[in-house]
């Protein structure tokens, strides 16, 4: 395979799972540029580099990200050791960036436009992709024996729609919007909360009024969508961790690390190398 020099990897997405891969790639010597939507809706915001688009900068486990307005600025930031976050959900600037590898880490459970010809190495996370048709490699994201596995022929396991179990709690630890409206935060990520304790409020519900959303169980508020976000009914808006370890809110999860290992393995096995 005739690969370009430079060790640049473009990652589509910068939420918590994508951030795990970005951290692993940066620590392995690759330069990374992340492409996001203009208004990311990450839940685990304390470990999502997408927050740089709101705050200007973000940092996860010592890896620093900074928002960038143009691809030329992004390349300069990447060369300086930062992770630039560009609002470019359609990959319009991919030609200018000219990466060694493209990683689709959007986790939309379907393909939103990633094609194998977009870079010399294309890696896709989770269901919705088939290797080698859509990508050179697909990474398994379903918890279990195959988590992080590199798939060179075939697809990842189908989306179960059921959140992974943590300390015996699965779907019940996930908080969803009871109605469409605007989120107003009542608690902060990292707080210890009791079952029934108010976490946030949905304001501007059709017909007037608002709805207070309680914690479904005792634990740590591990993630919550940014206050002011407009959300539809049923959208995941918060996550309570029953393990009651606030420090977990500040580090890459075990799942994200396993997936990141698969991403790094896929790129290296296809001849990709950092500078």
Protein backbone atom coordinates (compact mmCIF):
# COMPACT_ATOMS: atom_id res chain seq x y z
CA UNK A 1 0.00 0.00 0.00
CA UNK A 2 1.37 3.41 -1.03
CA UNK A 3 0.87 5.46 2.12
CA UNK A 4 1.44 9.22 2.51
CA UNK A 5 4.02 10.34 5.03
CA UNK A 6 3.20 12.40 8.05
CA UNK A 7 1.28 10.11 10.40
CA UNK A 8 -1.90 12.22 10.34
CA UNK A 9 -5.16 10.53 11.37
CA UNK A 10 -8.53 12.18 10.93
CA UNK A 11 -11.21 11.01 13.38
CA UNK A 12 -14.87 11.62 12.63
CA UNK A 13 -16.35 12.43 16.03
CA UNK A 14 -14.86 13.55 19.34
CA UNK A 15 -17.32 12.16 21.89
CA UNK A 16 -16.17 9.97 24.76
CA UNK A 17 -15.62 6.78 22.72
CA UNK A 18 -13.90 8.68 19.91
CA UNK A 19 -11.79 10.52 22.49
CA UNK A 20 -10.48 7.20 23.80
CA UNK A 21 -9.13 6.44 20.33
CA UNK A 22 -7.74 9.95 19.93
CA UNK A 23 -5.86 9.69 23.24
CA UNK A 24 -4.39 6.30 22.27
CA UNK A 25 -3.31 7.55 18.83
CA UNK A 26 -1.71 10.74 20.17
CA UNK A 27 0.20 8.81 22.83
CA UNK A 28 1.42 6.45 20.10
CA UNK A 29 2.93 9.34 18.17
CA UNK A 30 0.24 10.09 15.58
CA UNK A 31 -0.99 13.56 14.80
CA UNK A 32 -4.79 13.69 15.02
CA UNK A 33 -7.47 16.04 13.68
CA UNK A 34 -11.08 15.48 14.80
CA UNK A 35 -14.14 16.44 12.76
CA UNK A 36 -17.37 17.15 14.63
CA UNK A 37 -20.81 18.67 14.19
CA UNK A 38 -21.17 22.37 14.95
CA UNK A 39 -23.10 21.56 18.15
CA UNK A 40 -21.93 18.22 19.62
CA UNK A 41 -24.28 16.43 22.03
CA UNK A 42 -21.84 14.33 24.06
CA UNK A 43 -23.14 12.96 27.37
CA UNK A 44 -19.80 12.15 29.06
CA UNK A 45 -18.59 15.69 28.45
CA UNK A 46 -15.73 15.57 30.99
CA UNK A 47 -13.98 12.97 28.81
CA UNK A 48 -15.07 14.24 25.40
CA UNK A 49 -12.68 16.45 23.43
CA UNK A 50 -15.68 17.73 21.46
CA UNK A 51 -16.15 20.18 24.34
CA UNK A 52 -13.40 22.28 22.74
CA UNK A 53 -15.97 23.55 20.22
CA UNK A 54 -17.86 25.16 23.13
CA UNK A 55 -15.02 26.09 25.47
CA UNK A 56 -12.23 26.76 22.98
CA UNK A 57 -10.08 24.07 24.59
CA UNK A 58 -10.53 20.71 26.30
CA UNK A 59 -8.20 18.19 27.91
CA UNK A 60 -8.56 14.47 28.65
CA UNK A 61 -5.79 12.50 30.37
CA UNK A 62 -3.18 15.05 29.37
CA UNK A 63 -4.19 15.21 25.70
CA UNK A 64 -5.20 18.76 24.81
CA UNK A 65 -7.66 19.77 22.12
CA UNK A 66 -8.39 23.19 20.66
CA UNK A 67 -11.12 24.38 18.32
CA UNK A 68 -10.00 25.32 14.82
CA UNK A 69 -11.82 27.32 12.15
CA UNK A 70 -9.94 26.19 9.03
CA UNK A 71 -8.04 23.06 7.94
CA UNK A 72 -4.77 25.00 7.61
CA UNK A 73 -5.08 26.09 11.23
CA UNK A 74 -5.89 22.50 12.21
CA UNK A 75 -2.74 21.16 10.55
CA UNK A 76 -0.61 23.74 12.35
CA UNK A 77 -2.17 22.86 15.71
CA UNK A 78 -1.68 19.14 15.09
CA UNK A 79 1.98 19.72 14.28
CA UNK A 80 2.29 21.57 17.60
CA UNK A 81 1.03 18.52 19.51
CA UNK A 82 -2.57 19.62 20.01
CA UNK A 83 -5.73 17.92 18.72
CA UNK A 84 -7.67 20.41 16.61
CA UNK A 85 -11.46 20.02 16.55
CA UNK A 86 -13.05 21.21 13.31
CA UNK A 87 -16.78 21.66 12.74
CA UNK A 88 -16.89 19.64 9.52
CA UNK A 89 -19.45 16.80 9.77
CA UNK A 90 -19.44 16.18 5.99
CA UNK A 91 -15.63 15.92 5.70
CA UNK A 92 -15.55 18.83 3.25
CA UNK A 93 -11.93 19.61 4.21
CA UNK A 94 -10.65 16.05 4.05
CA UNK A 95 -8.83 16.70 0.77
CA UNK A 96 -6.82 19.53 2.31
CA UNK A 97 -6.00 17.48 5.41
CA UNK A 98 -4.88 14.49 3.25
CA UNK A 99 -4.63 12.01 6.14
CA UNK A 100 -2.88 8.68 6.36
CA UNK A 101 -6.01 7.22 7.97
CA UNK A 102 -9.64 8.09 8.58
CA UNK A 103 -11.46 6.70 11.63
CA UNK A 104 -15.26 6.89 11.71
CA UNK A 105 -16.03 7.14 15.43
CA UNK A 106 -19.43 8.80 15.15
CA UNK A 107 -21.18 5.73 16.61
CA UNK A 108 -24.43 6.49 14.80
CA UNK A 109 -25.11 2.73 14.37
CA UNK A 110 -25.27 3.44 10.62
CA UNK A 111 -22.97 4.76 7.95
CA UNK A 112 -23.27 8.54 7.56
CA UNK A 113 -21.11 8.73 4.46
CA UNK A 114 -17.76 7.10 5.21
CA UNK A 115 -16.25 5.32 2.20
CA UNK A 116 -13.15 3.19 1.89
CA UNK A 117 -11.64 5.55 -0.71
CA UNK A 118 -11.61 8.56 1.62
CA UNK A 119 -8.10 7.74 2.89
CA UNK A 120 -5.41 5.07 2.35
CA UNK A 121 -6.59 3.44 5.61
CA UNK A 122 -10.24 3.67 6.67
CA UNK A 123 -11.40 2.25 10.01
CA UNK A 124 -15.00 2.32 11.23
CA UNK A 125 -16.36 1.72 14.73
CA UNK A 126 -19.39 -0.41 15.45
CA UNK A 127 -22.44 -1.53 13.46
CA UNK A 128 -23.47 -0.01 10.14
CA UNK A 129 -20.26 -0.84 8.26
CA UNK A 130 -18.95 -3.86 6.40
CA UNK A 131 -15.27 -4.60 5.77
CA UNK A 132 -13.78 -4.40 3.23
CA UNK A 133 -16.74 -2.79 1.43
CA UNK A 134 -17.17 0.42 3.48
CA UNK A 135 -13.89 0.40 5.37
CA UNK A 136 -10.64 -1.56 5.43
CA UNK A 137 -11.42 -2.59 9.01
CA UNK A 138 -14.36 -2.46 11.40
CA UNK A 139 -13.89 -2.42 15.19
CA UNK A 140 -16.29 -4.29 17.47
CA UNK A 141 -17.90 -1.93 20.00
CA UNK A 142 -20.36 -4.30 21.69
CA UNK A 143 -19.35 -5.21 25.24
CA UNK A 144 -18.33 -8.82 25.66
CA UNK A 145 -15.70 -11.24 24.46
CA UNK A 146 -15.20 -9.50 21.09
CA UNK A 147 -14.94 -5.90 22.31
CA UNK A 148 -12.16 -4.10 20.42
CA UNK A 149 -11.73 -6.90 17.85
CA UNK A 150 -10.44 -5.87 14.41
CA UNK A 151 -12.77 -7.19 11.69
CA UNK A 152 -11.27 -7.36 8.20
CA UNK A 153 -14.17 -9.23 6.60
CA UNK A 154 -17.72 -8.68 7.78
CA UNK A 155 -19.49 -6.40 10.24
CA UNK A 156 -19.65 -5.67 13.94
CA UNK A 157 -22.47 -7.15 16.00
CA UNK A 158 -25.87 -5.48 15.39
CA UNK A 159 -26.95 -2.72 17.77
CA UNK A 160 -28.83 -4.31 20.66
CA UNK A 161 -30.35 -1.03 21.84
CA UNK A 162 -29.53 -2.10 25.40
CA UNK A 163 -26.84 -0.19 27.36
CA UNK A 164 -23.96 -2.19 28.79
CA UNK A 165 -24.34 -3.47 32.33
CA UNK A 166 -22.35 -1.68 35.04
CA UNK A 167 -22.49 -3.02 38.61
CA UNK A 168 -25.60 -4.97 37.68
CA UNK A 169 -27.39 -1.96 36.18
CA UNK A 170 -28.11 -1.65 32.46
CA UNK A 171 -30.96 0.28 30.86
CA UNK A 172 -32.08 1.67 34.23
CA UNK A 173 -28.90 3.77 34.62
CA UNK A 174 -29.62 5.71 31.39
CA UNK A 175 -31.77 8.84 31.59
CA UNK A 176 -33.85 9.83 28.56
CA UNK A 177 -35.79 13.00 27.83
CA UNK A 178 -39.45 12.56 28.83
CA UNK A 179 -40.48 15.26 26.34
CA UNK A 180 -39.00 17.55 23.71
CA UNK A 181 -37.63 20.82 25.05
CA UNK A 182 -34.57 22.64 26.38
CA UNK A 183 -32.29 21.14 29.03
CA UNK A 184 -31.55 23.03 32.24
CA UNK A 185 -28.98 21.31 34.43
CA UNK A 186 -29.68 20.99 38.15
CA UNK A 187 -26.63 18.90 39.06
CA UNK A 188 -23.06 18.69 37.77
CA UNK A 189 -21.18 15.72 36.35
CA UNK A 190 -19.28 13.96 39.14
CA UNK A 191 -21.91 14.58 41.82
CA UNK A 192 -23.14 11.76 44.03
CA UNK A 193 -26.92 11.51 43.64
CA UNK A 194 -29.68 9.51 45.28
CA UNK A 195 -32.52 7.71 43.53
CA UNK A 196 -35.28 10.23 42.83
CA UNK A 197 -33.01 13.26 43.22
CA UNK A 198 -33.61 15.89 40.48
CA UNK A 199 -30.85 15.89 37.83
CA UNK A 200 -32.17 18.33 35.25
CA UNK A 201 -35.27 20.01 33.96
CA UNK A 202 -36.79 20.00 30.48
CA UNK A 203 -38.18 23.45 29.78
CA UNK A 204 -40.26 24.78 26.92
CA UNK A 205 -42.36 21.66 26.52
CA UNK A 206 -45.08 21.99 23.86
CA UNK A 207 -48.23 23.34 25.46
CA UNK A 208 -46.25 25.06 28.20
CA UNK A 209 -44.68 23.89 31.40
CA UNK A 210 -41.59 21.89 32.22
CA UNK A 211 -40.58 18.48 33.57
CA UNK A 212 -38.06 17.71 36.30
CA UNK A 213 -36.06 14.56 35.52
CA UNK A 214 -34.96 12.51 38.58
CA UNK A 215 -32.05 10.13 39.01
CA UNK A 216 -33.15 6.54 38.38
CA UNK A 217 -30.78 5.16 41.04
CA UNK A 218 -28.07 5.99 43.56
CA UNK A 219 -24.68 6.66 42.05
CA UNK A 220 -22.44 9.23 40.39
CA UNK A 221 -23.76 11.46 37.64
CA UNK A 222 -21.25 10.24 35.05
CA UNK A 223 -22.60 12.21 32.13
CA UNK A 224 -25.19 14.80 31.20
CA UNK A 225 -25.91 16.65 27.98
CA UNK A 226 -24.89 20.31 27.95
CA UNK A 227 -27.38 22.72 29.48
CA UNK A 228 -29.29 24.71 26.87
CA UNK A 229 -29.40 21.80 24.42
CA UNK A 230 -32.60 21.30 22.46
CA UNK A 231 -33.57 17.66 22.77
CA UNK A 232 -36.29 15.44 21.30
CA UNK A 233 -38.38 13.08 23.40
CA UNK A 234 -36.55 9.82 24.15
CA UNK A 235 -33.00 11.14 23.58
CA UNK A 236 -30.35 9.95 26.03
CA UNK A 237 -29.55 12.98 28.17
CA UNK A 238 -27.75 11.62 31.25
CA UNK A 239 -26.03 8.55 32.69
CA UNK A 240 -25.77 7.52 36.35
CA UNK A 241 -22.95 5.17 37.39
CA UNK A 242 -23.87 2.92 40.37
CA UNK A 243 -20.20 2.31 41.24
CA UNK A 244 -20.09 5.70 43.03
CA UNK A 245 -16.53 6.55 41.90
CA UNK A 246 -16.35 10.26 40.93
CA UNK A 247 -12.83 9.75 39.51
CA UNK A 248 -14.32 7.62 36.72
CA UNK A 249 -15.87 10.80 35.32
CA UNK A 250 -12.41 12.14 34.48
CA UNK A 251 -10.82 9.16 32.72
CA UNK A 252 -11.32 7.20 29.52
CA UNK A 253 -13.62 4.22 30.10
CA UNK A 254 -12.62 0.57 29.85
CA UNK A 255 -14.79 0.22 26.74
CA UNK A 256 -13.20 3.22 25.04
CA UNK A 257 -9.70 1.89 25.81
CA UNK A 258 -10.52 -1.52 24.32
CA UNK A 259 -11.93 0.04 21.16
CA UNK A 260 -8.93 2.38 20.94
CA UNK A 261 -6.62 -0.63 21.01
CA UNK A 262 -8.46 -2.06 18.03
CA UNK A 263 -8.17 1.22 16.13
CA UNK A 264 -4.41 1.41 16.75
CA UNK A 265 -3.94 -2.26 15.80
CA UNK A 266 -5.86 -1.79 12.55
CA UNK A 267 -3.82 1.25 11.48
CA UNK A 268 -0.46 -0.30 12.38
CA UNK A 269 -1.27 -3.65 10.76
CA UNK A 270 -2.02 -1.88 7.47
CA UNK A 271 1.34 -0.12 7.46
CA UNK A 272 0.38 3.13 9.14
CA UNK A 273 3.15 4.70 11.19
CA UNK A 274 3.56 7.93 13.13
CA UNK A 275 6.14 10.43 11.94
